[in-house]
Amino acid sequence: MQNRRGVVYSSGEGAGNLESVTRIITAEEDGLTVRRYLRRKLGFSARAVSRVSQAETGILVNGERAFTIRVLRAGDVLRVETGDHRGPKKPLIPGDWPIEILWEDEHLLILNKPAGMTSHASNFDPDAPNVGGALAYQRGGGFVFHPVNRLDRGTSGVMVVAKSGYMHDRLRRMLHGPEFRREYRAICVGVPAPPQGLIELPIGRDERSIVARMVRPDGAEAVTYYETLAVSGTPQTLAAPDTSANAAESVGVSDAPETSPSADASESSNVSDAPRLSFVRLRPRTGRTHQLRVHMAHIGCPLLGDWLYGVETPLIARPALHSYRLELRHPLTGDWLTLTAPAPDDMRRVTESYFQGGLDNVDMVGDLPL
């Protein structure tokens, strides 16, 4: 298959059986060495160049093995294997867990991760549903798993997986730039004020917890855009039936410091004993752990169901956060991919109960120029 930029893709063809990219050298590229071509034109890292050059069929020029010092000439046909030349360090354990594939080619796949499924198998609970195991079940135990934008266990929605270390490296470098744009939809407790804006607050570890993060001056840069798309019609009581200190301790909330996001949320005027709910659009410009959850809690509007940064609720058993939309420029073809994953059933049930008309009356796109 050849695309509009003259890149030819193959899988299991020719001398090798790995995914590869083939290019015809142009007059402008005449005189480049293979090494420089791989680094400049195909975005190979120095380590990836070294690895592919050691494979018997890793680099071919006009059908013959070539080394990285070879000088390319106009009209030469360069074929480079982009698949993994080594298996996974730790084989994936296949699991029969359904997972929806939204889009796929030889180099990457984009899926819709359900809530309750981790990205990687857990050392503490290896039999728990995880994306790597689900893909290994579909594709065989030799599948090498390269998650690009990892989602928390409780977060559902669009997730990108590279099929090789090379593609993973290309996508990782794009992740928080203009060619890899991610949008989330969430339900938060309270009404953000103002209704749309930019949160620029550094995030670091909460030293009183092994998992929680918090806004702190010495934290890493963290930037989140938000926009309120809808507000519930009537205030709701959202706390779980048992809100005693013992109950809080049982879910790991009591170890949060007084300056943690959950504390900020409880003191904010945006959240009352009977708050309203808001359906919000979120776009992270950075990728800190728990970034969206921490930022929303810090402005006084924790995500519904977020036991760590807000309160538990019988309305939903997880933080109401969904990776809704992805806009991605394919690293090899240059084509733009735009994919969405509909809001899952648990979030839809909340919106149908508390938002007039449910999501049918919500402008899912919004108008914030992100």
Protein backbone atom coordinates (compact mmCIF):
# COMPACT_ATOMS: atom_id res chain seq x y z
CA MET A 1 0.00 0.00 0.00
CA GLN A 2 1.35 3.44 -0.96
CA ASN A 3 0.09 6.72 0.44
CA ARG A 4 0.11 10.22 -0.98
CA ARG A 5 3.59 10.97 0.46
CA GLY A 6 5.21 8.08 -1.38
CA VAL A 7 5.51 5.83 1.67
CA VAL A 8 4.95 2.17 0.88
CA TYR A 9 3.83 -0.08 3.72
CA SER A 10 4.26 -3.80 3.95
CA SER A 11 3.63 -6.46 6.55
CA GLY A 12 5.17 -9.87 6.17
CA GLU A 13 6.42 -9.15 2.65
CA GLY A 14 9.81 -9.49 1.02
CA ALA A 15 12.91 -10.73 2.81
CA GLY A 16 11.65 -9.99 6.33
CA ASN A 17 8.39 -10.67 8.12
CA LEU A 18 8.13 -7.47 10.17
CA GLU A 19 6.21 -4.31 9.37
CA SER A 20 8.29 -2.04 7.20
CA VAL A 21 8.40 1.29 5.40
CA THR A 22 9.67 1.65 1.86
CA ARG A 23 10.67 4.95 0.30
CA ILE A 24 11.94 5.97 -3.09
CA ILE A 25 14.78 8.46 -2.71
CA THR A 26 14.13 11.82 -4.36
CA ALA A 27 16.58 14.15 -6.07
CA GLU A 28 16.50 16.42 -3.02
CA GLU A 29 17.50 13.49 -0.82
CA ASP A 30 20.35 12.35 -3.06
CA GLY A 31 23.61 12.15 -1.11
CA LEU A 32 22.16 11.45 2.34
CA THR A 33 23.55 8.47 4.18
CA VAL A 34 21.14 5.81 5.36
CA ARG A 35 21.77 6.85 8.96
CA ARG A 36 20.96 10.49 8.28
CA TYR A 37 17.88 9.53 6.28
CA LEU A 38 16.55 7.36 9.08
CA ARG A 39 17.15 10.08 11.68
CA ARG A 40 15.94 13.07 9.65
CA LYS A 41 13.22 11.65 7.43
CA LEU A 42 11.81 8.71 9.36
CA GLY A 43 12.41 9.92 12.91
CA PHE A 44 14.43 6.94 14.11
CA SER A 45 16.20 7.40 17.42
CA ALA A 46 19.91 6.61 17.60
CA ARG A 47 19.11 3.42 19.49
CA ALA A 48 16.51 2.38 16.91
CA VAL A 49 19.00 2.94 14.07
CA SER A 50 21.54 0.74 15.84
CA ARG A 51 18.96 -1.97 16.44
CA VAL A 52 17.59 -2.12 12.89
CA SER A 53 21.07 -2.05 11.34
CA GLN A 54 21.97 -5.27 13.16
CA ALA A 55 19.07 -7.22 11.66
CA GLU A 56 19.78 -9.21 8.51
CA THR A 57 16.85 -7.69 6.64
CA GLY A 58 16.56 -4.52 8.75
CA ILE A 59 17.76 -2.14 6.02
CA LEU A 60 17.57 -2.96 2.32
CA VAL A 61 18.52 -0.70 -0.59
CA ASN A 62 17.36 -1.93 -3.98
CA GLY A 63 16.68 -5.31 -2.40
CA GLU A 64 20.15 -5.78 -0.90
CA ARG A 65 21.28 -5.42 2.69
CA ALA A 66 22.73 -2.00 3.39
CA PHE A 67 24.56 -0.42 6.29
CA THR A 68 24.00 3.00 7.76
CA ILE A 69 27.07 4.56 6.13
CA ARG A 70 25.78 3.87 2.63
CA VAL A 71 25.14 6.97 0.53
CA LEU A 72 21.70 7.03 -1.06
CA ARG A 73 21.11 8.11 -4.64
CA ALA A 74 17.98 9.43 -6.34
CA GLY A 75 15.80 6.53 -7.42
CA ASP A 76 17.12 4.12 -4.79
CA VAL A 77 14.44 2.06 -3.06
CA LEU A 78 15.02 2.04 0.69
CA ARG A 79 13.16 -0.51 2.80
CA VAL A 80 13.40 -0.35 6.59
CA GLU A 81 11.80 -2.74 9.07
CA THR A 82 9.86 -0.89 11.75
CA GLY A 83 8.58 -3.88 13.70
CA ASP A 84 10.16 -5.11 16.93
CA HIS A 85 13.22 -7.29 16.42
CA ARG A 86 12.98 -8.56 19.97
CA GLY A 87 10.06 -10.06 21.83
CA PRO A 88 8.62 -8.58 25.01
CA LYS A 89 10.80 -8.74 28.13
CA LYS A 90 7.84 -10.16 30.02
CA PRO A 91 5.31 -12.11 27.91
CA LEU A 92 1.73 -10.92 28.14
CA ILE A 93 -0.79 -13.21 29.78
CA PRO A 94 -3.78 -13.43 27.43
CA GLY A 95 -7.22 -12.78 28.87
CA ASP A 96 -10.62 -13.09 27.22
CA TRP A 97 -11.68 -9.52 27.89
CA PRO A 98 -13.64 -7.80 25.10
CA ILE A 99 -12.14 -4.60 23.81
CA GLU A 100 -13.28 -2.47 20.88
CA ILE A 101 -10.79 -1.51 18.16
CA LEU A 102 -11.71 1.86 16.66
CA TRP A 103 -8.98 2.06 13.98
CA GLU A 104 -5.90 0.09 12.98
CA ASP A 105 -3.12 -0.18 10.43
CA GLU A 106 0.23 -1.97 10.28
CA HIS A 107 1.86 0.39 12.76
CA LEU A 108 -0.65 1.42 15.39
CA LEU A 109 -4.13 0.74 16.71
CA ILE A 110 -6.65 2.91 18.51
CA LEU A 111 -9.08 1.30 20.91
CA ASN A 112 -11.94 2.11 23.24
CA LYS A 113 -10.86 1.04 26.73
CA PRO A 114 -13.66 0.13 29.13
CA ALA A 115 -13.58 1.41 32.70
CA GLY A 116 -12.24 -1.11 35.20
CA MET A 117 -9.48 -2.32 32.88
CA THR A 118 -5.87 -1.37 33.56
CA SER A 119 -3.42 -0.62 30.76
CA HIS A 120 -0.80 -3.09 32.05
CA ALA A 121 -1.19 -6.25 34.08
CA SER A 122 -0.86 -5.53 37.79
CA ASN A 123 1.86 -7.22 39.82
CA PHE A 124 -0.59 -7.36 42.72
CA ASP A 125 -3.50 -8.74 40.68
CA PRO A 126 -2.17 -10.30 37.44
CA ASP A 127 -5.54 -11.85 36.60
CA ALA A 128 -7.37 -8.51 36.59
CA PRO A 129 -8.58 -7.32 33.16
CA ASN A 130 -5.92 -5.32 31.32
CA VAL A 131 -5.48 -3.96 27.81
CA GLY A 132 -2.21 -5.80 27.13
CA GLY A 133 -3.75 -9.15 28.02
CA ALA A 134 -6.88 -8.46 25.96
CA LEU A 135 -4.79 -7.67 22.87
CA ALA A 136 -2.58 -10.71 23.46
CA TYR A 137 -5.73 -12.87 23.53
CA GLN A 138 -6.83 -11.40 20.19
CA ARG A 139 -3.42 -11.47 18.49
CA GLY A 140 -1.35 -14.15 20.20
CA GLY A 141 0.99 -14.15 23.17
CA GLY A 142 3.90 -12.79 21.10
CA PHE A 143 2.18 -9.43 20.67
CA VAL A 144 4.45 -6.64 21.93
CA PHE A 145 2.40 -4.04 23.81
CA HIS A 146 3.38 -0.37 23.51
CA PRO A 147 0.67 1.84 25.11
CA VAL A 148 1.09 5.50 24.18
CA ASN A 149 -1.50 7.47 26.18
CA ARG A 150 -2.13 5.24 29.18
CA LEU A 151 -5.47 5.60 30.89
CA ASP A 152 -6.12 5.00 34.58
CA ARG A 153 -8.08 1.92 35.52
CA GLY A 154 -11.21 3.95 36.16
CA THR A 155 -10.97 6.02 32.98
CA SER A 156 -12.72 4.83 29.83
CA GLY A 157 -12.32 5.77 26.19
CA VAL A 158 -9.88 6.35 23.34
CA MET A 159 -6.38 4.94 23.84
CA VAL A 160 -3.51 4.62 21.35
CA VAL A 161 -1.27 1.55 21.16
CA ALA A 162 1.87 1.37 18.99
CA LYS A 163 2.79 -1.95 17.41
CA SER A 164 6.55 -1.40 17.65
CA GLY A 165 9.11 0.42 19.71
CA TYR A 166 9.85 2.64 16.72
CA MET A 167 6.25 3.79 16.39
CA HIS A 168 5.93 4.14 20.15
CA ASP A 169 8.91 6.49 20.20
CA ARG A 170 7.47 8.58 17.35
CA LEU A 171 4.09 8.88 19.03
CA ARG A 172 5.56 9.51 22.48
CA ARG A 173 7.43 12.55 21.15
CA MET A 174 4.19 13.87 19.64
CA LEU A 175 2.02 13.12 22.67
CA HIS A 176 1.50 16.58 24.15
CA GLY A 177 1.97 18.59 20.98
CA PRO A 178 -0.41 19.98 18.35
CA GLU A 179 -0.35 16.77 16.30
CA PHE A 180 -1.64 14.56 19.14
CA ARG A 181 -4.71 16.23 20.63
CA ARG A 182 -6.83 14.49 23.26
CA GLU A 183 -10.16 15.55 24.68
CA TYR A 184 -12.03 14.16 27.64
CA ARG A 185 -15.62 14.43 28.84
CA ALA A 186 -16.32 14.36 32.56
CA ILE A 187 -19.05 14.93 35.10
CA CYS A 188 -17.95 17.09 38.00
CA VAL A 189 -19.57 18.07 41.28
CA GLY A 190 -20.42 21.77 41.29
CA VAL A 191 -20.36 24.42 38.58
CA PRO A 192 -16.95 25.71 37.45
CA ALA A 193 -16.54 29.46 37.69
CA PRO A 194 -15.87 30.87 35.19
CA PRO A 195 -17.60 28.32 32.92
CA GLN A 196 -14.51 27.91 30.77
CA GLY A 197 -10.86 28.62 31.30
CA LEU A 198 -7.27 27.50 31.62
CA ILE A 199 -5.84 25.84 34.73
CA GLU A 200 -2.09 26.27 35.03
CA LEU A 201 -1.11 24.73 38.36
CA PRO A 202 1.96 22.53 38.98
CA ILE A 203 1.34 19.00 40.23
CA GLY A 204 3.51 16.83 42.46
CA ARG A 205 3.21 13.93 44.85
CA ASP A 206 1.06 14.14 47.94
CA GLU A 207 3.66 13.03 50.49
CA ARG A 208 1.00 11.66 52.82
CA SER A 209 -0.26 9.17 50.24
CA ILE A 210 1.35 6.52 48.06
CA VAL A 211 -1.00 7.24 45.16
CA ALA A 212 -2.40 10.76 45.42
CA ARG A 213 -1.08 13.89 43.69
CA MET A 214 -1.68 17.50 44.62
CA VAL A 215 -1.10 21.04 43.43
CA ARG A 216 2.21 22.23 44.90
CA PRO A 217 4.61 25.04 43.97
CA ASP A 218 7.52 22.68 43.38
CA GLY A 219 5.50 20.32 41.20
CA ALA A 220 5.83 19.70 37.47
CA GLU A 221 4.14 22.02 34.99
CA ALA A 222 0.53 21.02 34.38
CA VAL A 223 -1.93 22.76 32.05
CA THR A 224 -5.61 21.90 31.50
CA TYR A 225 -8.26 23.63 29.42
CA TYR A 226 -11.86 23.17 30.53
CA GLU A 227 -15.29 24.15 29.24
CA THR A 228 -18.69 23.60 30.84
CA LEU A 229 -21.06 22.01 28.32
CA ALA A 230 -24.13 21.49 30.54
CA VAL A 231 -25.32 21.91 34.13
CA SER A 232 -27.84 19.65 35.88
CA GLY A 233 -31.33 20.96 36.43
CA THR A 234 -31.58 20.43 40.21
CA PRO A 235 -29.06 20.11 43.05
CA GLN A 236 -28.26 16.57 44.14
CA THR A 237 -26.97 14.98 47.36
CA LEU A 238 -23.97 13.01 46.18
CA ALA A 239 -22.21 11.64 49.27
CA ALA A 240 -22.21 7.92 49.89
CA PRO A 241 -24.56 6.77 52.65
CA ASP A 242 -21.69 6.23 55.14
CA THR A 243 -19.53 9.35 55.34
CA SER A 244 -17.98 8.66 58.73
CA ALA A 245 -14.25 8.97 59.38
CA ASN A 246 -13.97 5.18 59.38
CA ALA A 247 -15.57 4.96 55.97
CA ALA A 248 -13.22 7.61 54.59
CA GLU A 249 -10.24 5.72 55.94
CA SER A 250 -11.41 2.50 54.30
CA VAL A 251 -11.15 4.03 50.83
CA GLY A 252 -7.85 5.81 51.42
CA VAL A 253 -9.12 9.37 51.74
CA SER A 254 -8.05 10.11 55.31
CA ASP A 255 -4.35 10.18 54.48
CA ALA A 256 -4.71 13.24 52.24
CA PRO A 257 -3.06 16.40 53.64
CA GLU A 258 -5.02 19.49 54.55
CA THR A 259 -3.76 21.21 51.39
CA SER A 260 -4.72 18.34 49.11
CA PRO A 261 -7.22 18.90 46.26
CA SER A 262 -9.96 17.06 48.17
CA ALA A 263 -9.60 19.49 51.06
CA ASP A 264 -9.67 22.45 48.69
CA ALA A 265 -12.81 21.05 47.09
CA SER A 266 -14.65 20.68 50.38
CA GLU A 267 -13.90 24.26 51.38
CA SER A 268 -14.79 25.82 48.03
CA SER A 269 -18.00 27.74 47.58
CA ASN A 270 -18.48 25.88 44.28
CA VAL A 271 -19.42 22.68 46.13
CA SER A 272 -22.22 22.71 48.69
CA ASP A 273 -24.00 19.99 50.64
CA ALA A 274 -26.41 19.64 47.74
CA PRO A 275 -24.39 20.67 44.67
CA ARG A 276 -25.31 20.68 41.03
CA LEU A 277 -23.48 18.56 38.49
CA SER A 278 -21.67 19.84 35.41
CA PHE A 279 -20.80 18.01 32.22
CA VAL A 280 -17.41 19.37 31.12
CA ARG A 281 -14.99 19.17 28.25
CA LEU A 282 -11.34 18.79 29.26
CA ARG A 283 -8.19 19.00 27.18
CA PRO A 284 -4.81 18.40 28.85
CA ARG A 285 -1.80 20.16 27.39
CA THR A 286 0.53 18.17 29.66
CA GLY A 287 0.30 14.63 30.94
CA ARG A 288 0.81 14.50 34.71
CA THR A 289 -0.52 11.61 36.77
CA HIS A 290 -4.16 12.26 37.74
CA GLN A 291 -3.85 15.72 36.16
CA LEU A 292 -7.50 16.24 35.22
CA ARG A 293 -8.77 14.88 38.52
CA VAL A 294 -6.36 17.01 40.58
CA HIS A 295 -7.01 20.21 38.62
CA MET A 296 -10.80 19.90 38.76
CA ALA A 297 -10.72 19.12 42.47
CA HIS A 298 -8.43 22.08 43.12
CA ILE A 299 -10.87 24.55 41.55
CA GLY A 300 -13.62 23.13 43.77
CA CYS A 301 -15.29 20.81 41.26
CA PRO A 302 -14.02 17.26 41.82
CA LEU A 303 -15.09 14.58 39.39
CA LEU A 304 -18.22 12.69 40.33
CA GLY A 305 -17.29 9.38 41.97
CA ASP A 306 -13.66 10.32 42.58
CA TRP A 307 -13.01 8.71 45.96
CA LEU A 308 -9.43 9.99 46.05
CA TYR A 309 -9.96 13.69 45.36
CA GLY A 310 -13.66 14.09 46.13
CA VAL A 311 -16.23 11.77 47.70
CA GLU A 312 -17.74 8.42 46.86
CA THR A 313 -21.27 8.37 45.50
CA PRO A 314 -23.85 5.70 44.70
CA LEU A 315 -24.35 7.35 41.30
CA ILE A 316 -21.19 5.95 39.72
CA ALA A 317 -18.51 3.53 40.90
CA ARG A 318 -15.51 5.36 39.44
CA PRO A 319 -14.34 8.88 38.57
CA ALA A 320 -16.69 10.05 35.82
CA LEU A 321 -13.92 10.63 33.26
CA HIS A 322 -13.97 9.49 29.64
CA SER A 323 -11.36 9.88 26.89
CA TYR A 324 -13.82 11.05 24.25
CA ARG A 325 -11.91 12.33 21.23
CA LEU A 326 -8.52 11.96 19.57
CA GLU A 327 -7.04 14.02 16.75
CA LEU A 328 -3.76 12.51 15.58
CA ARG A 329 -1.48 13.14 12.61
CA HIS A 330 -0.17 9.75 11.58
CA PRO A 331 3.64 9.84 11.99
CA LEU A 332 4.27 8.07 8.68
CA THR A 333 1.43 9.02 6.34
CA GLY A 334 0.84 12.56 7.56
CA ASP A 335 -2.91 11.90 7.43
CA TRP A 336 -5.11 13.26 10.22
CA LEU A 337 -7.06 10.69 12.20
CA THR A 338 -10.09 11.85 14.18
CA LEU A 339 -11.82 9.29 16.37
CA THR A 340 -14.40 9.46 19.12
CA ALA A 341 -15.72 6.98 21.66
CA PRO A 342 -19.32 7.52 22.85
CA ALA A 343 -19.83 8.16 26.56
CA PRO A 344 -20.16 4.82 28.39
CA ASP A 345 -23.38 3.59 29.97
CA ASP A 346 -22.56 4.58 33.56
CA MET A 347 -21.98 8.22 32.62
CA ARG A 348 -25.02 8.21 30.34
CA ARG A 349 -27.23 7.00 33.17
CA VAL A 350 -26.15 9.94 35.31
CA THR A 351 -26.74 12.48 32.55
CA GLU A 352 -30.14 11.00 31.67
CA SER A 353 -31.20 11.23 35.31
CA TYR A 354 -29.90 14.70 36.16
CA PHE A 355 -29.45 16.62 32.89
CA GLN A 356 -32.51 17.63 30.93
CA GLY A 357 -32.63 15.45 27.83
CA GLY A 358 -29.45 13.61 28.81
CA LEU A 359 -26.58 13.89 26.36
CA ASP A 360 -28.95 14.34 23.42
CA ASN A 361 -29.23 18.03 24.29
CA VAL A 362 -25.53 18.53 25.04
CA ASP A 363 -23.18 20.10 22.51
CA MET A 364 -20.44 17.47 22.80
CA VAL A 365 -18.03 19.52 20.68
CA GLY A 366 -18.17 22.82 22.54
CA ASP A 367 -16.78 26.09 21.26
CA LEU A 368 -13.57 26.60 23.22
CA PRO A 369 -10.74 27.07 20.69
CA LEU A 370 -8.25 24.52 21.98
